[in-house]
Full PDB file with SEQRES, HELIX, SHEET, SSBOND, CRYST1, ORIGX, SCALE, CONECT and MASTER records, all heavy atoms in Angstrom:
SEQRES   1 A   43  LYS ASN LEU ASP GLU ALA ALA LYS LEU GLY TYR THR PHE          
SEQRES   2 A   43  ASN CYS GLY PRO GLU LEU GLU PHE PHE VAL PHE LYS ARG          
SEQRES   3 A   43  ASP ALA ASN GLY GLN ALA THR THR GLU PHE VAL ASP HIS          
SEQRES   4 A   43  GLY GLY TYR PHE                                              
HELIX    1 AA1 ASN A    2  LYS A    8  1                                   7    
SHEET    1 AA1 2 PHE A  24  ARG A  26  0                                        
SHEET    2 AA1 2 ALA A  32  PHE A  36 -1                                        
CRYST1    1.000    1.000    1.000  90.00  90.00  90.00 P 1           1          
ORIGX1      1.000000  0.000000  0.000000        0.00000                         
ORIGX2      0.000000  1.000000  0.000000        0.00000                         
ORIGX3      0.000000  0.000000  1.000000        0.00000                         
SCALE1      1.000000  0.000000  0.000000        0.00000                         
SCALE2      0.000000  1.000000  0.000000        0.00000                         
SCALE3      0.000000  0.000000  1.000000        0.00000                         
ATOM      1  N   LYS A   1      81.581 132.334  -0.550  1.00  0.00           N  
ATOM      2  CA  LYS A   1      83.041 132.118  -0.542  1.00  0.00           C  
ATOM      3  C   LYS A   1      83.768 133.288   0.065  1.00  0.00           C  
ATOM      4  O   LYS A   1      84.705 133.142   0.874  1.00  0.00           O  
ATOM      5  CB  LYS A   1      83.522 131.833  -1.982  1.00  0.00           C  
ATOM      6  CG  LYS A   1      85.027 131.569  -2.088  1.00  0.00           C  
ATOM      7  CD  LYS A   1      85.492 131.464  -3.523  1.00  0.00           C  
ATOM      8  CE  LYS A   1      85.538 132.807  -4.221  1.00  0.00           C  
ATOM      9  NZ  LYS A   1      86.163 132.753  -5.570  1.00  0.00           N  
ATOM     10  N   ASN A   2      83.375 134.491  -0.311  1.00  0.00           N  
ATOM     11  CA  ASN A   2      84.048 135.697   0.185  1.00  0.00           C  
ATOM     12  C   ASN A   2      83.673 135.982   1.642  1.00  0.00           C  
ATOM     13  O   ASN A   2      84.491 136.489   2.391  1.00  0.00           O  
ATOM     14  CB  ASN A   2      83.700 136.860  -0.722  1.00  0.00           C  
ATOM     15  CG  ASN A   2      84.466 136.826  -2.006  1.00  0.00           C  
ATOM     16  OD1 ASN A   2      85.634 137.261  -2.067  1.00  0.00           O  
ATOM     17  ND2 ASN A   2      83.904 136.248  -3.058  1.00  0.00           N  
ATOM     18  N   LEU A   3      82.480 135.640   2.042  1.00  0.00           N  
ATOM     19  CA  LEU A   3      82.118 135.743   3.462  1.00  0.00           C  
ATOM     20  C   LEU A   3      82.960 134.788   4.306  1.00  0.00           C  
ATOM     21  O   LEU A   3      83.364 135.133   5.426  1.00  0.00           O  
ATOM     22  CB  LEU A   3      80.618 135.466   3.669  1.00  0.00           C  
ATOM     23  CG  LEU A   3      79.674 136.561   3.177  1.00  0.00           C  
ATOM     24  CD1 LEU A   3      78.239 136.045   3.173  1.00  0.00           C  
ATOM     25  CD2 LEU A   3      79.818 137.785   4.035  1.00  0.00           C  
ATOM     26  N   ASP A   4      83.262 133.617   3.744  1.00  0.00           N  
ATOM     27  CA  ASP A   4      84.118 132.659   4.451  1.00  0.00           C  
ATOM     28  C   ASP A   4      85.542 133.221   4.606  1.00  0.00           C  
ATOM     29  O   ASP A   4      86.199 133.019   5.646  1.00  0.00           O  
ATOM     30  CB  ASP A   4      84.212 131.329   3.680  1.00  0.00           C  
ATOM     31  CG  ASP A   4      82.920 130.537   3.793  1.00  0.00           C  
ATOM     32  OD1 ASP A   4      82.112 130.836   4.681  1.00  0.00           O  
ATOM     33  OD2 ASP A   4      82.725 129.597   2.975  1.00  0.00           O  
ATOM     34  N   GLU A   5      86.019 133.970   3.573  1.00  0.00           N  
ATOM     35  CA  GLU A   5      87.344 134.599   3.688  1.00  0.00           C  
ATOM     36  C   GLU A   5      87.359 135.657   4.795  1.00  0.00           C  
ATOM     37  O   GLU A   5      88.329 135.753   5.536  1.00  0.00           O  
ATOM     38  CB  GLU A   5      87.727 135.257   2.356  1.00  0.00           C  
ATOM     39  CG  GLU A   5      88.035 134.271   1.246  1.00  0.00           C  
ATOM     40  CD  GLU A   5      89.180 133.348   1.591  1.00  0.00           C  
ATOM     41  OE1 GLU A   5      90.214 133.820   2.073  1.00  0.00           O  
ATOM     42  OE2 GLU A   5      89.010 132.099   1.431  1.00  0.00           O  
ATOM     43  N   ALA A   6      86.286 136.407   4.930  1.00  0.00           N  
ATOM     44  CA  ALA A   6      86.170 137.386   6.031  1.00  0.00           C  
ATOM     45  C   ALA A   6      86.141 136.664   7.375  1.00  0.00           C  
ATOM     46  O   ALA A   6      86.767 137.094   8.354  1.00  0.00           O  
ATOM     47  CB  ALA A   6      84.945 138.262   5.838  1.00  0.00           C  
ATOM     48  N   ALA A   7      85.390 135.559   7.419  1.00  0.00           N  
ATOM     49  CA  ALA A   7      85.247 134.815   8.673  1.00  0.00           C  
ATOM     50  C   ALA A   7      86.591 134.231   9.164  1.00  0.00           C  
ATOM     51  O   ALA A   7      86.826 134.121  10.365  1.00  0.00           O  
ATOM     52  CB  ALA A   7      84.230 133.695   8.497  1.00  0.00           C  
ATOM     53  N   LYS A   8      87.476 133.876   8.212  1.00  0.00           N  
ATOM     54  CA  LYS A   8      88.804 133.372   8.604  1.00  0.00           C  
ATOM     55  C   LYS A   8      89.600 134.434   9.378  1.00  0.00           C  
ATOM     56  O   LYS A   8      90.477 134.075  10.185  1.00  0.00           O  
ATOM     57  CB  LYS A   8      89.599 132.982   7.370  1.00  0.00           C  
ATOM     58  CG  LYS A   8      89.072 131.715   6.671  1.00  0.00           C  
ATOM     59  CD  LYS A   8      89.823 131.452   5.377  1.00  0.00           C  
ATOM     60  CE  LYS A   8      89.237 130.267   4.633  1.00  0.00           C  
ATOM     61  NZ  LYS A   8      89.911 130.047   3.290  1.00  0.00           N  
ATOM     62  N   LEU A   9      89.299 135.695   9.146  1.00  0.00           N  
ATOM     63  CA  LEU A   9      89.945 136.799   9.908  1.00  0.00           C  
ATOM     64  C   LEU A   9      89.130 137.228  11.101  1.00  0.00           C  
ATOM     65  O   LEU A   9      89.468 138.186  11.790  1.00  0.00           O  
ATOM     66  CB  LEU A   9      90.180 137.984   8.962  1.00  0.00           C  
ATOM     67  CG  LEU A   9      91.085 137.727   7.739  1.00  0.00           C  
ATOM     68  CD1 LEU A   9      91.131 138.984   6.877  1.00  0.00           C  
ATOM     69  CD2 LEU A   9      92.487 137.341   8.190  1.00  0.00           C  
ATOM     70  N   GLY A  10      88.007 136.516  11.324  1.00  0.00           N  
ATOM     71  CA  GLY A  10      87.171 136.812  12.471  1.00  0.00           C  
ATOM     72  C   GLY A  10      86.093 137.832  12.216  1.00  0.00           C  
ATOM     73  O   GLY A  10      85.391 138.265  13.129  1.00  0.00           O  
ATOM     74  N   TYR A  11      85.878 138.227  10.930  1.00  0.00           N  
ATOM     75  CA  TYR A  11      84.963 139.296  10.630  1.00  0.00           C  
ATOM     76  C   TYR A  11      83.617 138.800  10.074  1.00  0.00           C  
ATOM     77  O   TYR A  11      83.556 137.796   9.350  1.00  0.00           O  
ATOM     78  CB  TYR A  11      85.563 140.223   9.560  1.00  0.00           C  
ATOM     79  CG  TYR A  11      86.782 140.985   9.973  1.00  0.00           C  
ATOM     80  CD1 TYR A  11      87.973 140.912   9.212  1.00  0.00           C  
ATOM     81  CD2 TYR A  11      86.806 141.767  11.122  1.00  0.00           C  
ATOM     82  CE1 TYR A  11      89.095 141.627   9.598  1.00  0.00           C  
ATOM     83  CE2 TYR A  11      87.934 142.487  11.490  1.00  0.00           C  
ATOM     84  CZ  TYR A  11      89.084 142.375  10.733  1.00  0.00           C  
ATOM     85  OH  TYR A  11      90.214 143.085  11.117  1.00  0.00           O  
ATOM     86  N   THR A  12      82.579 139.529  10.420  1.00  0.00           N  
ATOM     87  CA  THR A  12      81.265 139.413   9.796  1.00  0.00           C  
ATOM     88  C   THR A  12      81.013 140.684   9.020  1.00  0.00           C  
ATOM     89  O   THR A  12      81.231 141.797   9.548  1.00  0.00           O  
ATOM     90  CB  THR A  12      80.177 139.214  10.847  1.00  0.00           C  
ATOM     91  OG1 THR A  12      80.406 138.007  11.582  1.00  0.00           O  
ATOM     92  CG2 THR A  12      78.780 139.136  10.191  1.00  0.00           C  
ATOM     93  N   PHE A  13      80.607 140.564   7.747  1.00  0.00           N  
ATOM     94  CA  PHE A  13      80.335 141.721   6.938  1.00  0.00           C  
ATOM     95  C   PHE A  13      78.843 142.014   6.938  1.00  0.00           C  
ATOM     96  O   PHE A  13      78.009 141.178   6.550  1.00  0.00           O  
ATOM     97  CB  PHE A  13      80.809 141.505   5.490  1.00  0.00           C  
ATOM     98  CG  PHE A  13      80.573 142.687   4.573  1.00  0.00           C  
ATOM     99  CD1 PHE A  13      81.227 143.883   4.791  1.00  0.00           C  
ATOM    100  CD2 PHE A  13      79.722 142.603   3.494  1.00  0.00           C  
ATOM    101  CE1 PHE A  13      81.022 144.975   3.970  1.00  0.00           C  
ATOM    102  CE2 PHE A  13      79.508 143.681   2.654  1.00  0.00           C  
ATOM    103  CZ  PHE A  13      80.173 144.860   2.889  1.00  0.00           C  
ATOM    104  N   ASN A  14      78.488 143.189   7.451  1.00  0.00           N  
ATOM    105  CA  ASN A  14      77.115 143.648   7.478  1.00  0.00           C  
ATOM    106  C   ASN A  14      76.939 144.786   6.471  1.00  0.00           C  
ATOM    107  O   ASN A  14      77.831 145.595   6.272  1.00  0.00           O  
ATOM    108  CB  ASN A  14      76.756 144.148   8.877  1.00  0.00           C  
ATOM    109  CG  ASN A  14      76.838 143.059   9.938  1.00  0.00           C  
ATOM    110  OD1 ASN A  14      76.219 141.988   9.764  1.00  0.00           O  
ATOM    111  ND2 ASN A  14      77.614 143.295  10.965  1.00  0.00           N  
ATOM    112  N   CYS A  15      75.763 144.815   5.848  1.00  0.00           N  
ATOM    113  CA  CYS A  15      75.522 145.899   4.881  1.00  0.00           C  
ATOM    114  C   CYS A  15      74.058 146.281   4.885  1.00  0.00           C  
ATOM    115  O   CYS A  15      73.188 145.499   5.348  1.00  0.00           O  
ATOM    116  CB  CYS A  15      75.992 145.495   3.511  1.00  0.00           C  
ATOM    117  SG  CYS A  15      75.246 144.030   2.825  1.00  0.00           S  
ATOM    118  N   GLY A  16      73.788 147.468   4.368  1.00  0.00           N  
ATOM    119  CA  GLY A  16      72.446 147.984   4.295  1.00  0.00           C  
ATOM    120  C   GLY A  16      72.288 148.839   3.046  1.00  0.00           C  
ATOM    121  O   GLY A  16      72.782 149.946   3.003  1.00  0.00           O  
ATOM    122  N   PRO A  17      71.640 148.313   1.977  1.00  0.00           N  
ATOM    123  CA  PRO A  17      71.453 149.085   0.781  1.00  0.00           C  
ATOM    124  C   PRO A  17      70.206 149.971   0.843  1.00  0.00           C  
ATOM    125  O   PRO A  17      69.238 149.628   1.556  1.00  0.00           O  
ATOM    126  CB  PRO A  17      71.310 148.026  -0.302  1.00  0.00           C  
ATOM    127  CG  PRO A  17      70.736 146.853   0.423  1.00  0.00           C  
ATOM    128  CD  PRO A  17      71.224 146.943   1.854  1.00  0.00           C  
ATOM    129  N   GLU A  18      70.248 151.080   0.159  1.00  0.00           N  
ATOM    130  CA  GLU A  18      69.068 151.991  -0.008  1.00  0.00           C  
ATOM    131  C   GLU A  18      68.631 151.855  -1.438  1.00  0.00           C  
ATOM    132  O   GLU A  18      69.310 152.367  -2.363  1.00  0.00           O  
ATOM    133  CB  GLU A  18      69.445 153.430   0.326  1.00  0.00           C  
ATOM    134  CG  GLU A  18      69.985 153.617   1.747  1.00  0.00           C  
ATOM    135  CD  GLU A  18      70.515 155.035   1.950  1.00  0.00           C  
ATOM    136  OE1 GLU A  18      70.474 155.849   1.006  1.00  0.00           O  
ATOM    137  OE2 GLU A  18      70.997 155.339   3.063  1.00  0.00           O  
ATOM    138  N   LEU A  19      67.488 151.232  -1.675  1.00  0.00           N  
ATOM    139  CA  LEU A  19      67.039 150.986  -3.044  1.00  0.00           C  
ATOM    140  C   LEU A  19      66.068 152.039  -3.513  1.00  0.00           C  
ATOM    141  O   LEU A  19      65.019 152.241  -2.909  1.00  0.00           O  
ATOM    142  CB  LEU A  19      66.398 149.603  -3.177  1.00  0.00           C  
ATOM    143  CG  LEU A  19      67.371 148.452  -3.358  1.00  0.00           C  
ATOM    144  CD1 LEU A  19      67.784 147.889  -2.006  1.00  0.00           C  
ATOM    145  CD2 LEU A  19      66.778 147.349  -4.192  1.00  0.00           C  
ATOM    146  N   GLU A  20      66.427 152.720  -4.603  1.00  0.00           N  
ATOM    147  CA  GLU A  20      65.516 153.671  -5.248  1.00  0.00           C  
ATOM    148  C   GLU A  20      64.931 152.995  -6.486  1.00  0.00           C  
ATOM    149  O   GLU A  20      65.551 152.070  -7.047  1.00  0.00           O  
ATOM    150  CB  GLU A  20      66.278 154.937  -5.649  1.00  0.00           C  
ATOM    151  CG  GLU A  20      66.863 155.684  -4.467  1.00  0.00           C  
ATOM    152  CD  GLU A  20      67.819 156.788  -4.889  1.00  0.00           C  
ATOM    153  OE1 GLU A  20      68.185 156.858  -6.066  1.00  0.00           O  
ATOM    154  OE2 GLU A  20      68.184 157.594  -3.993  1.00  0.00           O  
ATOM    155  N   PHE A  21      63.759 153.474  -6.904  1.00  0.00           N  
ATOM    156  CA  PHE A  21      63.149 152.944  -8.104  1.00  0.00           C  
ATOM    157  C   PHE A  21      62.139 153.937  -8.659  1.00  0.00           C  
ATOM    158  O   PHE A  21      61.663 154.821  -7.927  1.00  0.00           O  
ATOM    159  CB  PHE A  21      62.475 151.582  -7.868  1.00  0.00           C  
ATOM    160  CG  PHE A  21      61.402 151.579  -6.800  1.00  0.00           C  
ATOM    161  CD1 PHE A  21      60.051 151.634  -7.132  1.00  0.00           C  
ATOM    162  CD2 PHE A  21      61.747 151.505  -5.444  1.00  0.00           C  
ATOM    163  CE1 PHE A  21      59.051 151.647  -6.145  1.00  0.00           C  
ATOM    164  CE2 PHE A  21      60.774 151.507  -4.462  1.00  0.00           C  
ATOM    165  CZ  PHE A  21      59.427 151.557  -4.808  1.00  0.00           C  
ATOM    166  N   PHE A  22      61.829 153.823  -9.946  1.00  0.00           N  
ATOM    167  CA  PHE A  22      60.808 154.632 -10.579  1.00  0.00           C  
ATOM    168  C   PHE A  22      59.552 153.808 -10.754  1.00  0.00           C  
ATOM    169  O   PHE A  22      59.611 152.601 -10.938  1.00  0.00           O  
ATOM    170  CB  PHE A  22      61.272 155.142 -11.946  1.00  0.00           C  
ATOM    171  CG  PHE A  22      62.175 156.334 -11.888  1.00  0.00           C  
ATOM    172  CD1 PHE A  22      63.556 156.181 -11.807  1.00  0.00           C  
ATOM    173  CD2 PHE A  22      61.646 157.639 -11.952  1.00  0.00           C  
ATOM    174  CE1 PHE A  22      64.419 157.279 -11.765  1.00  0.00           C  
ATOM    175  CE2 PHE A  22      62.489 158.728 -11.901  1.00  0.00           C  
ATOM    176  CZ  PHE A  22      63.865 158.574 -11.814  1.00  0.00           C  
ATOM    177  N   VAL A  23      58.395 154.498 -10.685  1.00  0.00           N  
ATOM    178  CA  VAL A  23      57.110 153.885 -11.003  1.00  0.00           C  
ATOM    179  C   VAL A  23      56.510 154.638 -12.178  1.00  0.00           C  
ATOM    180  O   VAL A  23      56.323 155.865 -12.121  1.00  0.00           O  
ATOM    181  CB  VAL A  23      56.149 153.914  -9.790  1.00  0.00           C  
ATOM    182  CG1 VAL A  23      54.807 153.287 -10.188  1.00  0.00           C  
ATOM    183  CG2 VAL A  23      56.762 153.186  -8.612  1.00  0.00           C  
ATOM    184  N   PHE A  24      56.270 153.922 -13.272  1.00  0.00           N  
ATOM    185  CA  PHE A  24      55.751 154.525 -14.496  1.00  0.00           C  
ATOM    186  C   PHE A  24      54.399 153.931 -14.850  1.00  0.00           C  
ATOM    187  O   PHE A  24      54.015 152.851 -14.372  1.00  0.00           O  
ATOM    188  CB  PHE A  24      56.717 154.307 -15.648  1.00  0.00           C  
ATOM    189  CG  PHE A  24      58.040 155.022 -15.511  1.00  0.00           C  
ATOM    190  CD1 PHE A  24      59.222 154.339 -15.636  1.00  0.00           C  
ATOM    191  CD2 PHE A  24      58.073 156.393 -15.285  1.00  0.00           C  
ATOM    192  CE1 PHE A  24      60.444 154.990 -15.520  1.00  0.00           C  
ATOM    193  CE2 PHE A  24      59.287 157.055 -15.193  1.00  0.00           C  
ATOM    194  CZ  PHE A  24      60.456 156.350 -15.281  1.00  0.00           C  
ATOM    195  N   LYS A  25      53.699 154.612 -15.761  1.00  0.00           N  
ATOM    196  CA  LYS A  25      52.431 154.103 -16.271  1.00  0.00           C  
ATOM    197  C   LYS A  25      52.684 153.020 -17.325  1.00  0.00           C  
ATOM    198  O   LYS A  25      53.760 152.956 -17.884  1.00  0.00           O  
ATOM    199  CB  LYS A  25      51.631 155.238 -16.909  1.00  0.00           C  
ATOM    200  CG  LYS A  25      51.131 156.282 -15.921  1.00  0.00           C  
ATOM    201  CD  LYS A  25      50.344 157.381 -16.625  1.00  0.00           C  
ATOM    202  CE  LYS A  25      49.851 158.420 -15.617  1.00  0.00           C  
ATOM    203  NZ  LYS A  25      49.108 159.524 -16.303  1.00  0.00           N  
ATOM    204  N   ARG A  26      51.681 152.206 -17.553  1.00  0.00           N  
ATOM    205  CA  ARG A  26      51.668 151.261 -18.664  1.00  0.00           C  
ATOM    206  C   ARG A  26      50.709 151.781 -19.734  1.00  0.00           C  
ATOM    207  O   ARG A  26      49.751 152.509 -19.434  1.00  0.00           O  
ATOM    208  CB  ARG A  26      51.223 149.860 -18.199  1.00  0.00           C  
ATOM    209  CG  ARG A  26      52.252 149.190 -17.275  1.00  0.00           C  
ATOM    210  CD  ARG A  26      51.802 147.814 -16.836  1.00  0.00           C  
ATOM    211  NE  ARG A  26      52.816 147.191 -15.999  1.00  0.00           N  
ATOM    212  CZ  ARG A  26      53.809 146.463 -16.457  1.00  0.00           C  
ATOM    213  NH1 ARG A  26      53.906 146.222 -17.749  1.00  0.00           N  
ATOM    214  NH2 ARG A  26      54.683 145.919 -15.634  1.00  0.00           N  
ATOM    215  N   ASP A  27      50.968 151.406 -20.977  1.00  0.00           N  
ATOM    216  CA  ASP A  27      50.104 151.859 -22.083  1.00  0.00           C  
ATOM    217  C   ASP A  27      48.887 150.953 -22.177  1.00  0.00           C  
ATOM    218  O   ASP A  27      48.693 150.031 -21.398  1.00  0.00           O  
ATOM    219  CB  ASP A  27      50.860 151.959 -23.388  1.00  0.00           C  
ATOM    220  CG  ASP A  27      51.381 150.612 -23.909  1.00  0.00           C  
ATOM    221  OD1 ASP A  27      50.854 149.552 -23.476  1.00  0.00           O  
ATOM    222  OD2 ASP A  27      52.309 150.619 -24.736  1.00  0.00           O  
ATOM    223  N   ALA A  28      48.034 151.223 -23.182  1.00  0.00           N  
ATOM    224  CA  ALA A  28      46.796 150.472 -23.346  1.00  0.00           C  
ATOM    225  C   ALA A  28      47.038 148.990 -23.600  1.00  0.00           C  
ATOM    226  O   ALA A  28      46.153 148.161 -23.355  1.00  0.00           O  
ATOM    227  CB  ALA A  28      45.990 151.056 -24.512  1.00  0.00           C  
ATOM    228  N   ASN A  29      48.213 148.620 -24.077  1.00  0.00           N  
ATOM    229  CA  ASN A  29      48.574 147.228 -24.314  1.00  0.00           C  
ATOM    230  C   ASN A  29      49.280 146.590 -23.140  1.00  0.00           C  
ATOM    231  O   ASN A  29      49.763 145.447 -23.231  1.00  0.00           O  
ATOM    232  CB  ASN A  29      49.443 147.116 -25.573  1.00  0.00           C  
ATOM    233  CG  ASN A  29      48.701 147.563 -26.813  1.00  0.00           C  
ATOM    234  OD1 ASN A  29      47.528 147.236 -27.008  1.00  0.00           O  
ATOM    235  ND2 ASN A  29      49.379 148.332 -27.672  1.00  0.00           N  
ATOM    236  N   GLY A  30      49.394 147.341 -22.074  1.00  0.00           N  
ATOM    237  CA  GLY A  30      50.047 146.823 -20.868  1.00  0.00           C  
ATOM    238  C   GLY A  30      51.566 146.907 -20.893  1.00  0.00           C  
ATOM    239  O   GLY A  30      52.240 146.360 -20.003  1.00  0.00           O  
ATOM    240  N   GLN A  31      52.124 147.611 -21.904  1.00  0.00           N  
ATOM    241  CA  GLN A  31      53.571 147.733 -21.984  1.00  0.00           C  
ATOM    242  C   GLN A  31      54.068 148.895 -21.147  1.00  0.00           C  
ATOM    243  O   GLN A  31      53.373 149.920 -21.027  1.00  0.00           O  
ATOM    244  CB  GLN A  31      53.973 147.941 -23.457  1.00  0.00           C  
ATOM    245  CG  GLN A  31      53.648 146.764 -24.355  1.00  0.00           C  
ATOM    246  CD  GLN A  31      54.305 145.463 -23.910  1.00  0.00           C  
ATOM    247  OE1 GLN A  31      55.502 145.392 -23.738  1.00  0.00           O  
ATOM    248  NE2 GLN A  31      53.473 144.444 -23.745  1.00  0.00           N  
ATOM    249  N   ALA A  32      55.274 148.748 -20.603  1.00  0.00           N  
ATOM    250  CA  ALA A  32      55.848 149.819 -19.758  1.00  0.00           C  
ATOM    251  C   ALA A  32      56.141 151.060 -20.583  1.00  0.00           C  
ATOM    252  O   ALA A  32      56.571 150.965 -21.742  1.00  0.00           O  
ATOM    253  CB  ALA A  32      57.105 149.304 -19.081  1.00  0.00           C  
ATOM    254  N   THR A  33      55.913 152.229 -19.975  1.00  0.00           N  
ATOM    255  CA  THR A  33      56.273 153.489 -20.602  1.00  0.00           C  
ATOM    256  C   THR A  33      57.240 154.238 -19.659  1.00  0.00           C  
ATOM    257  O   THR A  33      57.570 153.709 -18.588  1.00  0.00           O  
ATOM    258  CB  THR A  33      55.038 154.382 -20.835  1.00  0.00           C  
ATOM    259  OG1 THR A  33      54.557 154.858 -19.561  1.00  0.00           O  
ATOM    260  CG2 THR A  33      53.924 153.614 -21.513  1.00  0.00           C  
ATOM    261  N   THR A  34      57.628 155.417 -20.021  1.00  0.00           N  
ATOM    262  CA  THR A  34      58.373 156.305 -19.113  1.00  0.00           C  
ATOM    263  C   THR A  34      57.516 157.499 -18.726  1.00  0.00           C  
ATOM    264  O   THR A  34      58.015 158.572 -18.374  1.00  0.00           O  
ATOM    265  CB  THR A  34      59.707 156.764 -19.720  1.00  0.00           C  
ATOM    266  OG1 THR A  34      59.427 157.371 -20.980  1.00  0.00           O  
ATOM    267  CG2 THR A  34      60.654 155.621 -19.893  1.00  0.00           C  
ATOM    268  N   GLU A  35      56.199 157.283 -18.752  1.00  0.00           N  
ATOM    269  CA  GLU A  35      55.266 158.370 -18.366  1.00  0.00           C  
ATOM    270  C   GLU A  35      55.095 158.345 -16.840  1.00  0.00           C  
ATOM    271  O   GLU A  35      54.773 157.302 -16.229  1.00  0.00           O  
ATOM    272  CB  GLU A  35      53.899 158.141 -19.043  1.00  0.00           C  
ATOM    273  CG  GLU A  35      52.929 159.298 -18.812  1.00  0.00           C  
ATOM    274  CD  GLU A  35      51.616 159.085 -19.553  1.00  0.00           C  
ATOM    275  OE1 GLU A  35      51.532 158.150 -20.391  1.00  0.00           O  
ATOM    276  OE2 GLU A  35      50.641 159.834 -19.266  1.00  0.00           O  
ATOM    277  N   PHE A  36      55.309 159.483 -16.216  1.00  0.00           N  
ATOM    278  CA  PHE A  36      55.258 159.583 -14.752  1.00  0.00           C  
ATOM    279  C   PHE A  36      53.875 159.221 -14.203  1.00  0.00           C  
ATOM    280  O   PHE A  36      52.846 159.581 -14.776  1.00  0.00           O  
ATOM    281  CB  PHE A  36      55.607 160.982 -14.286  1.00  0.00           C  
ATOM    282  CG  PHE A  36      57.015 161.421 -14.623  1.00  0.00           C  
ATOM    283  CD1 PHE A  36      57.279 162.640 -15.193  1.00  0.00           C  
ATOM    284  CD2 PHE A  36      58.096 160.569 -14.355  1.00  0.00           C  
ATOM    285  CE1 PHE A  36      58.564 163.033 -15.499  1.00  0.00           C  
ATOM    286  CE2 PHE A  36      59.389 160.957 -14.651  1.00  0.00           C  
ATOM    287  CZ  PHE A  36      59.614 162.190 -15.203  1.00  0.00           C  
ATOM    288  N   VAL A  37      53.885 158.567 -13.051  1.00  0.00           N  
ATOM    289  CA  VAL A  37      52.661 158.308 -12.306  1.00  0.00           C  
ATOM    290  C   VAL A  37      52.335 159.527 -11.412  1.00  0.00           C  
ATOM    291  O   VAL A  37      51.181 159.806 -11.133  1.00  0.00           O  
ATOM    292  CB  VAL A  37      52.801 157.031 -11.447  1.00  0.00           C  
ATOM    293  CG1 VAL A  37      51.634 156.861 -10.499  1.00  0.00           C  
ATOM    294  CG2 VAL A  37      52.922 155.801 -12.359  1.00  0.00           C  
ATOM    295  N   ASP A  38      53.373 160.216 -10.973  1.00  0.00           N  
ATOM    296  CA  ASP A  38      53.170 161.384 -10.098  1.00  0.00           C  
ATOM    297  C   ASP A  38      54.233 162.421 -10.407  1.00  0.00           C  
ATOM    298  O   ASP A  38      55.221 162.155 -11.094  1.00  0.00           O  
ATOM    299  CB  ASP A  38      53.228 160.957  -8.621  1.00  0.00           C  
ATOM    300  CG  ASP A  38      54.620 160.484  -8.206  1.00  0.00           C  
ATOM    301  OD1 ASP A  38      55.515 161.336  -8.021  1.00  0.00           O  
ATOM    302  OD2 ASP A  38      54.823 159.263  -8.059  1.00  0.00           O  
ATOM    303  N   HIS A  39      54.043 163.585  -9.839  1.00  0.00           N  
ATOM    304  CA  HIS A  39      55.007 164.664  -9.999  1.00  0.00           C  
ATOM    305  C   HIS A  39      55.434 165.163  -8.621  1.00  0.00           C  
ATOM    306  O   HIS A  39      55.637 166.365  -8.421  1.00  0.00           O  
ATOM    307  CB  HIS A  39      54.398 165.816 -10.832  1.00  0.00           C  
ATOM    308  CG  HIS A  39      54.131 165.404 -12.234  1.00  0.00           C  
ATOM    309  ND1 HIS A  39      55.121 165.330 -13.212  1.00  0.00           N  
ATOM    310  CD2 HIS A  39      52.985 164.992 -12.863  1.00  0.00           C  
ATOM    311  CE1 HIS A  39      54.578 164.936 -14.354  1.00  0.00           C  
ATOM    312  NE2 HIS A  39      53.293 164.708 -14.164  1.00  0.00           N  
ATOM    313  N   GLY A  40      55.604 164.239  -7.741  1.00  0.00           N  
ATOM    314  CA  GLY A  40      56.050 164.603  -6.390  1.00  0.00           C  
ATOM    315  C   GLY A  40      57.542 164.860  -6.330  1.00  0.00           C  
ATOM    316  O   GLY A  40      58.280 164.587  -7.257  1.00  0.00           O  
ATOM    317  N   GLY A  41      57.957 165.454  -5.203  1.00  0.00           N  
ATOM    318  CA  GLY A  41      59.378 165.696  -4.960  1.00  0.00           C  
ATOM    319  C   GLY A  41      59.804 165.004  -3.679  1.00  0.00           C  
ATOM    320  O   GLY A  41      59.074 164.188  -3.114  1.00  0.00           O  
ATOM    321  N   TYR A  42      61.012 165.352  -3.237  1.00  0.00           N  
ATOM    322  CA  TYR A  42      61.619 164.700  -2.068  1.00  0.00           C  
ATOM    323  C   TYR A  42      60.721 164.770  -0.856  1.00  0.00           C  
ATOM    324  O   TYR A  42      60.298 165.858  -0.419  1.00  0.00           O  
ATOM    325  CB  TYR A  42      62.968 165.369  -1.797  1.00  0.00           C  
ATOM    326  CG  TYR A  42      63.955 164.482  -1.037  1.00  0.00           C  
ATOM    327  CD1 TYR A  42      64.078 163.112  -1.326  1.00  0.00           C  
ATOM    328  CD2 TYR A  42      64.761 165.002  -0.057  1.00  0.00           C  
ATOM    329  CE1 TYR A  42      65.005 162.324  -0.661  1.00  0.00           C  
ATOM    330  CE2 TYR A  42      65.677 164.227   0.617  1.00  0.00           C  
ATOM    331  CZ  TYR A  42      65.797 162.878   0.308  1.00  0.00           C  
ATOM    332  OH  TYR A  42      66.706 162.095   0.980  1.00  0.00           O  
ATOM    333  N   PHE A  43      60.317 163.602  -0.320  1.00  0.00           N  
ATOM    334  CA  PHE A  43      59.496 163.470   0.884  1.00  0.00           C  
ATOM    335  C   PHE A  43      58.076 163.993   0.738  1.00  0.00           C  
ATOM    336  O   PHE A  43      57.366 164.200   1.710  1.00  0.00           O  
ATOM    337  CB  PHE A  43      60.138 164.161   2.112  1.00  0.00           C  
ATOM    338  CG  PHE A  43      61.397 163.461   2.589  1.00  0.00           C  
ATOM    339  CD1 PHE A  43      62.614 164.106   2.542  1.00  0.00           C  
ATOM    340  CD2 PHE A  43      61.340 162.173   3.083  1.00  0.00           C  
ATOM    341  CE1 PHE A  43      63.781 163.494   2.975  1.00  0.00           C  
ATOM    342  CE2 PHE A  43      62.496 161.534   3.543  1.00  0.00           C  
ATOM    343  CZ  PHE A  43      63.715 162.202   3.470  1.00  0.00           C  
TER     344      PHE A  43                                                      
MASTER        0    0    0    1    2    0    0    6  343    1    0    4          
END                                                                             
């Protein structure tokens, strides 16, 4: 609906998200933990 509103004015809305996420270990029962998989830094 909102893209249609932009189109009425002649516009196309383009976007590009940067998705970050954490990867953690699972415990012996397969449940998620907050234990790090790695200790790396930027790049």
